[in-house]
């Protein structure tokens, strides 16, 4: 499965920046993009591992559930 690099704007607008077959290549791209990002830029750069671009966007837009705090 490929790795997708996305920019997520504050309004949850997704922009696919790149697609990589290797984790290391995607990781280096994300790190480089984050270093060049302005300090007042509210957008996020994220990497996601998915089988297709559609699945990647679905996963990025699906809110995560908060972990349950309590007795284990």
N, C-alpha and C. Protein backbone atom coordinates (compact mmCIF):
# COMPACT_ATOMS: atom_id res chain seq x y z
N UNK A 1 0.85 -1.18 0.00
CA UNK A 1 0.00 0.00 0.00
C UNK A 1 0.89 1.24 0.00
N UNK A 2 0.48 2.25 -0.73
CA UNK A 2 1.28 3.48 -0.80
C UNK A 2 1.07 4.40 0.39
N UNK A 3 1.96 5.36 0.50
CA UNK A 3 1.89 6.41 1.51
C UNK A 3 1.52 7.71 0.80
N UNK A 4 0.53 8.42 1.33
CA UNK A 4 0.09 9.68 0.75
C UNK A 4 0.48 10.82 1.68
N UNK A 5 0.90 11.93 1.10
CA UNK A 5 1.23 13.14 1.87
C UNK A 5 0.16 14.16 1.55
N UNK A 6 -0.48 14.67 2.60
CA UNK A 6 -1.57 15.63 2.45
C UNK A 6 -1.30 16.91 3.22
N UNK A 7 -1.84 17.99 2.69
CA UNK A 7 -1.92 19.24 3.43
C UNK A 7 -3.38 19.42 3.79
N UNK A 8 -3.64 19.66 5.08
CA UNK A 8 -5.01 19.83 5.56
C UNK A 8 -5.15 21.27 6.02
N UNK A 9 -6.01 22.02 5.34
CA UNK A 9 -6.27 23.41 5.70
C UNK A 9 -7.19 23.47 6.90
N UNK A 10 -7.23 24.60 7.61
CA UNK A 10 -8.09 24.71 8.81
C UNK A 10 -9.56 24.36 8.56
N UNK A 11 -10.06 24.57 7.36
CA UNK A 11 -11.45 24.25 7.05
C UNK A 11 -11.65 22.80 6.64
N UNK A 12 -10.69 21.92 6.95
CA UNK A 12 -10.71 20.48 6.63
C UNK A 12 -10.66 20.23 5.13
N UNK A 13 -10.10 21.17 4.37
CA UNK A 13 -9.92 20.97 2.94
C UNK A 13 -8.61 20.21 2.72
N UNK A 14 -8.68 19.11 1.96
CA UNK A 14 -7.53 18.23 1.75
C UNK A 14 -6.86 18.52 0.41
N UNK A 15 -5.53 18.51 0.41
CA UNK A 15 -4.75 18.67 -0.80
C UNK A 15 -3.71 17.55 -0.83
N UNK A 16 -3.84 16.64 -1.79
CA UNK A 16 -2.86 15.56 -1.91
C UNK A 16 -1.61 16.13 -2.56
N UNK A 17 -0.49 16.06 -1.84
CA UNK A 17 0.75 16.63 -2.33
C UNK A 17 1.63 15.61 -3.03
N UNK A 18 1.60 14.37 -2.57
CA UNK A 18 2.47 13.35 -3.16
C UNK A 18 2.00 11.95 -2.77
N UNK A 19 2.53 10.97 -3.50
CA UNK A 19 2.26 9.56 -3.23
C UNK A 19 3.59 8.83 -3.31
N UNK A 20 3.89 8.01 -2.31
CA UNK A 20 5.16 7.29 -2.24
C UNK A 20 4.91 5.82 -1.98
N UNK A 21 5.81 5.00 -2.50
CA UNK A 21 5.74 3.57 -2.24
C UNK A 21 6.54 3.19 -0.99
N UNK A 22 7.50 4.03 -0.62
CA UNK A 22 8.36 3.73 0.52
C UNK A 22 8.10 4.71 1.66
N UNK A 23 8.04 4.16 2.88
CA UNK A 23 7.79 4.96 4.07
C UNK A 23 8.86 6.04 4.25
N UNK A 24 10.10 5.67 4.07
CA UNK A 24 11.20 6.61 4.30
C UNK A 24 11.09 7.84 3.40
N UNK A 25 10.75 7.63 2.13
CA UNK A 25 10.61 8.76 1.21
C UNK A 25 9.47 9.69 1.64
N UNK A 26 8.36 9.10 2.04
CA UNK A 26 7.22 9.91 2.49
C UNK A 26 7.56 10.67 3.77
N UNK A 27 8.25 10.00 4.68
CA UNK A 27 8.63 10.62 5.95
C UNK A 27 9.55 11.82 5.72
N UNK A 28 10.53 11.66 4.84
CA UNK A 28 11.46 12.77 4.55
C UNK A 28 10.73 13.95 3.90
N UNK A 29 9.76 13.67 3.03
CA UNK A 29 8.98 14.73 2.41
C UNK A 29 8.15 15.49 3.43
N UNK A 30 7.51 14.77 4.33
CA UNK A 30 6.71 15.40 5.38
C UNK A 30 7.58 16.27 6.28
N UNK A 31 8.74 15.77 6.66
CA UNK A 31 9.65 16.55 7.50
C UNK A 31 10.11 17.82 6.79
N UNK A 32 10.43 17.72 5.50
CA UNK A 32 10.87 18.89 4.74
C UNK A 32 9.76 19.92 4.62
N UNK A 33 8.54 19.46 4.37
CA UNK A 33 7.41 20.38 4.25
C UNK A 33 7.11 21.07 5.58
N UNK A 34 7.22 20.35 6.67
CA UNK A 34 6.96 20.94 7.98
C UNK A 34 8.03 21.97 8.35
N UNK A 35 9.28 21.75 7.94
CA UNK A 35 10.35 22.70 8.22
C UNK A 35 10.15 24.01 7.47
N UNK A 36 9.62 23.94 6.26
CA UNK A 36 9.43 25.14 5.45
C UNK A 36 8.11 25.84 5.73
N UNK A 37 7.27 25.25 6.56
CA UNK A 37 5.96 25.82 6.88
C UNK A 37 6.14 27.06 7.77
N UNK A 38 5.41 28.10 7.44
CA UNK A 38 5.45 29.34 8.22
C UNK A 38 4.88 29.10 9.62
N UNK A 39 5.38 29.85 10.59
CA UNK A 39 4.93 29.66 11.98
C UNK A 39 3.47 30.04 12.18
N UNK A 40 2.95 30.97 11.38
CA UNK A 40 1.55 31.39 11.53
C UNK A 40 0.60 30.60 10.62
N UNK A 41 1.12 29.60 9.92
CA UNK A 41 0.31 28.75 9.05
C UNK A 41 -0.44 27.74 9.91
N UNK A 42 -1.77 27.76 9.81
CA UNK A 42 -2.60 26.86 10.64
C UNK A 42 -2.83 25.50 9.97
N UNK A 43 -2.37 25.32 8.76
CA UNK A 43 -2.55 24.05 8.07
C UNK A 43 -1.63 22.98 8.62
N UNK A 44 -1.97 21.72 8.36
CA UNK A 44 -1.17 20.59 8.83
C UNK A 44 -0.68 19.79 7.63
N UNK A 45 0.48 19.20 7.76
CA UNK A 45 1.00 18.27 6.77
C UNK A 45 0.97 16.90 7.42
N UNK A 46 0.28 15.95 6.77
CA UNK A 46 0.13 14.61 7.34
C UNK A 46 0.47 13.55 6.32
N UNK A 47 0.92 12.43 6.82
CA UNK A 47 1.18 11.26 5.99
C UNK A 47 0.19 10.18 6.40
N UNK A 48 -0.33 9.45 5.41
CA UNK A 48 -1.29 8.40 5.70
C UNK A 48 -0.98 7.19 4.81
N UNK A 49 -1.14 6.01 5.39
CA UNK A 49 -0.91 4.74 4.69
C UNK A 49 -2.27 4.18 4.32
N UNK A 50 -2.57 4.11 3.02
CA UNK A 50 -3.88 3.65 2.57
C UNK A 50 -3.76 2.97 1.21
N UNK A 51 -4.76 2.19 0.86
CA UNK A 51 -4.73 1.47 -0.40
C UNK A 51 -5.04 2.36 -1.60
N UNK A 52 -5.76 3.47 -1.38
CA UNK A 52 -6.09 4.39 -2.47
C UNK A 52 -6.21 5.81 -1.93
N UNK A 53 -6.25 6.76 -2.83
CA UNK A 53 -6.39 8.16 -2.43
C UNK A 53 -7.76 8.40 -1.79
N UNK A 54 -8.77 7.73 -2.27
CA UNK A 54 -10.12 7.87 -1.70
C UNK A 54 -10.14 7.37 -0.25
N UNK A 55 -9.52 6.22 -0.02
CA UNK A 55 -9.47 5.69 1.35
C UNK A 55 -8.65 6.61 2.26
N UNK A 56 -7.56 7.15 1.75
CA UNK A 56 -6.73 8.06 2.53
C UNK A 56 -7.54 9.28 2.97
N UNK A 57 -8.30 9.85 2.05
CA UNK A 57 -9.11 11.03 2.39
C UNK A 57 -10.21 10.69 3.38
N UNK A 58 -10.80 9.50 3.23
CA UNK A 58 -11.84 9.08 4.18
C UNK A 58 -11.24 8.93 5.58
N UNK A 59 -10.06 8.33 5.67
CA UNK A 59 -9.42 8.14 6.97
C UNK A 59 -9.03 9.48 7.60
N UNK A 60 -8.57 10.42 6.79
CA UNK A 60 -8.17 11.72 7.32
C UNK A 60 -9.36 12.54 7.82
N UNK A 61 -10.51 12.35 7.20
CA UNK A 61 -11.69 13.13 7.57
C UNK A 61 -12.53 12.47 8.67
N UNK A 62 -12.26 11.22 8.98
CA UNK A 62 -13.01 10.52 10.02
C UNK A 62 -12.47 10.91 11.38
N UNK A 63 -13.33 11.49 12.24
CA UNK A 63 -12.84 11.86 13.58
C UNK A 63 -12.52 10.62 14.41
N UNK A 64 -11.45 10.73 15.18
CA UNK A 64 -11.06 9.63 16.06
C UNK A 64 -11.82 9.73 17.37
N UNK A 65 -12.10 8.57 17.94
CA UNK A 65 -12.74 8.55 19.25
C UNK A 65 -11.70 8.80 20.32
N UNK A 66 -12.09 9.54 21.35
CA UNK A 66 -11.19 9.81 22.46
C UNK A 66 -11.00 8.53 23.26
N UNK A 67 -9.79 8.26 23.74
CA UNK A 67 -9.58 7.05 24.54
C UNK A 67 -10.40 7.11 25.83
N UNK A 68 -10.89 5.96 26.26
CA UNK A 68 -11.68 5.88 27.48
C UNK A 68 -10.73 5.89 28.68
N UNK A 69 -10.94 6.80 29.57
CA UNK A 69 -10.15 6.89 30.81
C UNK A 69 -10.86 6.09 31.89
N UNK A 70 -10.12 5.35 32.64
CA UNK A 70 -10.76 4.61 33.73
C UNK A 70 -10.00 3.37 34.11
N UNK A 71 -10.66 2.51 34.83
CA UNK A 71 -10.04 1.27 35.29
C UNK A 71 -9.84 0.30 34.15
N UNK A 72 -8.67 -0.30 34.12
CA UNK A 72 -8.39 -1.31 33.11
C UNK A 72 -8.38 -2.68 33.72
